[in-house]
Amino acid sequence: SSDERSAFITEFTKEAAGALHSVGAAIGVDIFGVASVASDDSGIGQILEDMALWVDYICPMIYPSTWSKGWFGLDYPAAYPEEVTFASVGSVVERLREIPTVRTRPWLQGFHDYGVRGVFYESAEVEAQIEGSTRAGGTGFMVWDAGLRFPMNAVSYTHLRAHET
């Protein structure tokens, strides 16, 4: 059941955080993008607020290509990297306002869109996501591409320095 899934994941998060914190390590958890905006577990067992009580970082995987038509009022979310990132990171930051010990550090899309429009994700699209996350209150960022093909100029040194934490 949904309650069992989320209880198990939260308990695992609590136990792992206890073990890691005891040796001085920080801990972050990756969550699916939908968990950044859903009030229930969406069938995946991730309840944002429950997990956030035990970790230092919540890392939503908010890749614009994973959102279907209509999310955030957009006809094709992958074509709007800044808007999608702003909305989803903003949702996490707002929902975790009462838990000041946790930071939101999103995973950003560094791969080309695999949808029907096939939007290419190059430097401008990565920079747009960084801007959206920053405006929404995100703390730093991480970029994902399963093929590890990142444009060398996708993230400027200035951006890296501005987002150090």
Protein backbone atom coordinates (compact mmCIF):
# COMPACT_ATOMS: atom_id res chain seq x y z
CA SER A 1 0.00 0.00 0.00
CA SER A 2 0.99 3.63 -0.33
CA ASP A 3 1.31 4.07 3.44
CA GLU A 4 3.58 1.04 3.70
CA ARG A 5 5.81 2.19 0.84
CA SER A 6 6.28 5.68 2.22
CA ALA A 7 6.77 4.43 5.80
CA PHE A 8 9.47 1.98 4.64
CA ILE A 9 11.32 4.61 2.61
CA THR A 10 11.12 7.16 5.42
CA GLU A 11 12.39 4.63 7.97
CA PHE A 12 15.27 3.64 5.69
CA THR A 13 16.12 7.33 5.20
CA LYS A 14 16.08 7.87 8.99
CA GLU A 15 18.35 4.87 9.67
CA ALA A 16 20.80 5.72 6.88
CA ALA A 17 20.97 9.35 7.98
CA GLY A 18 21.63 8.31 11.58
CA ALA A 19 24.52 6.10 10.54
CA LEU A 20 26.03 8.67 8.19
CA HIS A 21 25.53 11.64 10.49
CA SER A 22 27.22 9.71 13.31
CA VAL A 23 30.48 9.73 11.34
CA GLY A 24 30.16 13.37 10.31
CA ALA A 25 28.84 12.83 6.78
CA ALA A 26 26.09 14.85 5.20
CA ILE A 27 23.30 12.97 3.46
CA GLY A 28 21.09 13.80 0.53
CA VAL A 29 18.27 11.90 -1.09
CA ASP A 30 17.23 11.97 -4.71
CA ILE A 31 13.51 12.17 -5.33
CA PHE A 32 11.54 11.84 -8.53
CA GLY A 33 10.37 15.13 -10.00
CA VAL A 34 6.73 14.36 -9.36
CA ALA A 35 7.48 14.09 -5.62
CA SER A 36 8.43 17.77 -5.71
CA VAL A 37 4.84 18.76 -6.44
CA ALA A 38 2.66 15.82 -5.34
CA SER A 39 0.96 15.84 -1.96
CA ASP A 40 0.79 12.04 -1.88
CA ASP A 41 3.41 9.42 -2.69
CA SER A 42 2.30 9.14 -6.37
CA GLY A 43 2.73 5.38 -6.10
CA ILE A 44 6.49 5.61 -5.54
CA GLY A 45 6.67 5.90 -1.76
CA GLN A 46 8.38 9.28 -1.62
CA ILE A 47 6.78 11.80 0.75
CA LEU A 48 8.98 14.87 0.58
CA GLU A 49 8.32 16.27 4.04
CA ASP A 50 8.79 12.91 5.80
CA MET A 51 12.16 12.23 4.17
CA ALA A 52 13.38 15.80 4.63
CA LEU A 53 13.29 15.48 8.42
CA TRP A 54 16.36 13.25 8.33
CA VAL A 55 18.60 14.59 5.57
CA ASP A 56 20.73 17.60 4.74
CA TYR A 57 19.79 17.80 1.05
CA ILE A 58 16.71 16.95 -0.97
CA CYS A 59 17.72 16.45 -4.60
CA PRO A 60 14.71 16.46 -6.91
CA MET A 61 15.31 15.03 -10.38
CA ILE A 62 13.31 17.69 -12.14
CA TYR A 63 14.38 17.06 -15.73
CA PRO A 64 12.03 19.06 -17.98
CA SER A 65 11.77 16.16 -20.46
CA THR A 66 10.08 13.98 -17.83
CA TRP A 67 7.05 16.24 -17.46
CA SER A 68 4.09 15.62 -19.75
CA LYS A 69 1.89 18.14 -21.52
CA GLY A 70 -0.04 20.37 -19.14
CA TRP A 71 2.35 20.34 -16.20
CA PHE A 72 2.91 23.87 -14.90
CA GLY A 73 0.47 25.07 -17.58
CA LEU A 74 2.97 24.31 -20.36
CA ASP A 75 2.16 22.65 -23.68
CA TYR A 76 5.58 20.96 -23.90
CA PRO A 77 7.54 21.31 -20.64
CA ALA A 78 10.89 20.22 -22.16
CA ALA A 79 10.82 23.41 -24.23
CA TYR A 80 10.70 25.53 -21.06
CA PRO A 81 13.67 24.51 -18.91
CA GLU A 82 13.75 27.63 -16.73
CA GLU A 83 10.02 27.63 -16.04
CA VAL A 84 9.88 23.92 -15.16
CA THR A 85 12.89 24.21 -12.88
CA PHE A 86 11.57 27.35 -11.19
CA ALA A 87 8.17 25.74 -10.54
CA SER A 88 9.40 22.39 -9.27
CA VAL A 89 12.32 23.68 -7.17
CA GLY A 90 10.05 26.44 -5.86
CA SER A 91 7.53 23.84 -4.77
CA VAL A 92 10.17 21.92 -2.79
CA VAL A 93 11.58 25.07 -1.18
CA GLU A 94 8.10 26.21 -0.17
CA ARG A 95 7.05 22.81 1.17
CA LEU A 96 10.23 22.53 3.25
CA ARG A 97 10.09 26.07 4.65
CA GLU A 98 9.34 24.70 8.14
CA ILE A 99 12.39 22.39 8.06
CA PRO A 100 15.27 24.88 8.01
CA THR A 101 17.99 22.20 8.29
CA VAL A 102 17.42 20.80 4.78
CA ARG A 103 18.53 22.37 1.49
CA THR A 104 17.16 21.82 -2.00
CA ARG A 105 19.85 20.88 -4.53
CA PRO A 106 18.22 19.75 -7.79
CA TRP A 107 19.40 17.44 -10.52
CA LEU A 108 19.20 19.34 -13.80
CA GLN A 109 18.80 17.91 -17.29
CA GLY A 110 22.05 17.67 -19.26
CA PHE A 111 20.70 15.32 -21.93
CA HIS A 112 18.71 15.99 -25.09
CA ASP A 113 14.94 15.73 -24.88
CA TYR A 114 13.68 12.30 -25.88
CA GLY A 115 10.13 13.47 -26.56
CA VAL A 116 8.44 14.16 -29.88
CA ARG A 117 10.00 17.60 -30.30
CA GLY A 118 13.50 16.42 -29.44
CA VAL A 119 14.63 19.69 -27.87
CA PHE A 120 18.42 19.84 -27.79
CA TYR A 121 19.80 20.59 -24.35
CA GLU A 122 23.00 22.55 -24.71
CA SER A 123 24.58 25.35 -22.68
CA ALA A 124 21.61 27.72 -22.89
CA GLU A 125 19.15 25.11 -21.60
CA VAL A 126 21.41 24.11 -18.70
CA GLU A 127 22.01 27.76 -17.82
CA ALA A 128 18.22 28.38 -17.95
CA GLN A 129 17.68 25.58 -15.42
CA ILE A 130 20.37 27.01 -13.15
CA GLU A 131 18.66 30.39 -13.32
CA GLY A 132 15.25 28.86 -12.55
CA SER A 133 16.61 26.94 -9.59
CA THR A 134 18.47 29.95 -8.22
CA ARG A 135 15.40 32.19 -8.50
CA ALA A 136 13.31 29.53 -6.72
CA GLY A 137 15.71 29.25 -3.78
CA GLY A 138 17.69 26.13 -4.72
CA THR A 139 21.13 25.62 -3.17
CA GLY A 140 23.55 24.56 -5.87
CA PHE A 141 22.74 21.98 -8.51
CA MET A 142 23.88 18.79 -10.19
CA VAL A 143 23.63 18.00 -13.91
CA TRP A 144 22.75 14.55 -15.26
CA ASP A 145 23.39 12.88 -18.60
CA ALA A 146 23.50 9.07 -18.59
CA GLY A 147 25.98 9.16 -21.50
CA LEU A 148 28.25 11.63 -19.65
CA ARG A 149 28.26 13.94 -22.68
CA PHE A 150 28.25 17.40 -21.17
CA PRO A 151 29.03 20.48 -23.26
CA MET A 152 32.26 21.86 -21.83
CA ASN A 153 30.78 25.34 -21.67
CA ALA A 154 27.42 24.26 -20.20
CA VAL A 155 28.25 25.64 -16.80
CA SER A 156 30.49 28.63 -16.52
CA TYR A 157 33.11 28.99 -13.83
CA THR A 158 31.17 32.03 -12.59
CA HIS A 159 28.08 29.86 -12.03
CA LEU A 160 30.10 27.24 -10.20
CA ARG A 161 31.60 29.83 -7.86
CA ALA A 162 28.22 31.47 -7.26
CA HIS A 163 26.64 28.16 -6.22
CA GLU A 164 29.32 26.76 -3.91
CA THR A 165 27.94 25.58 -0.57
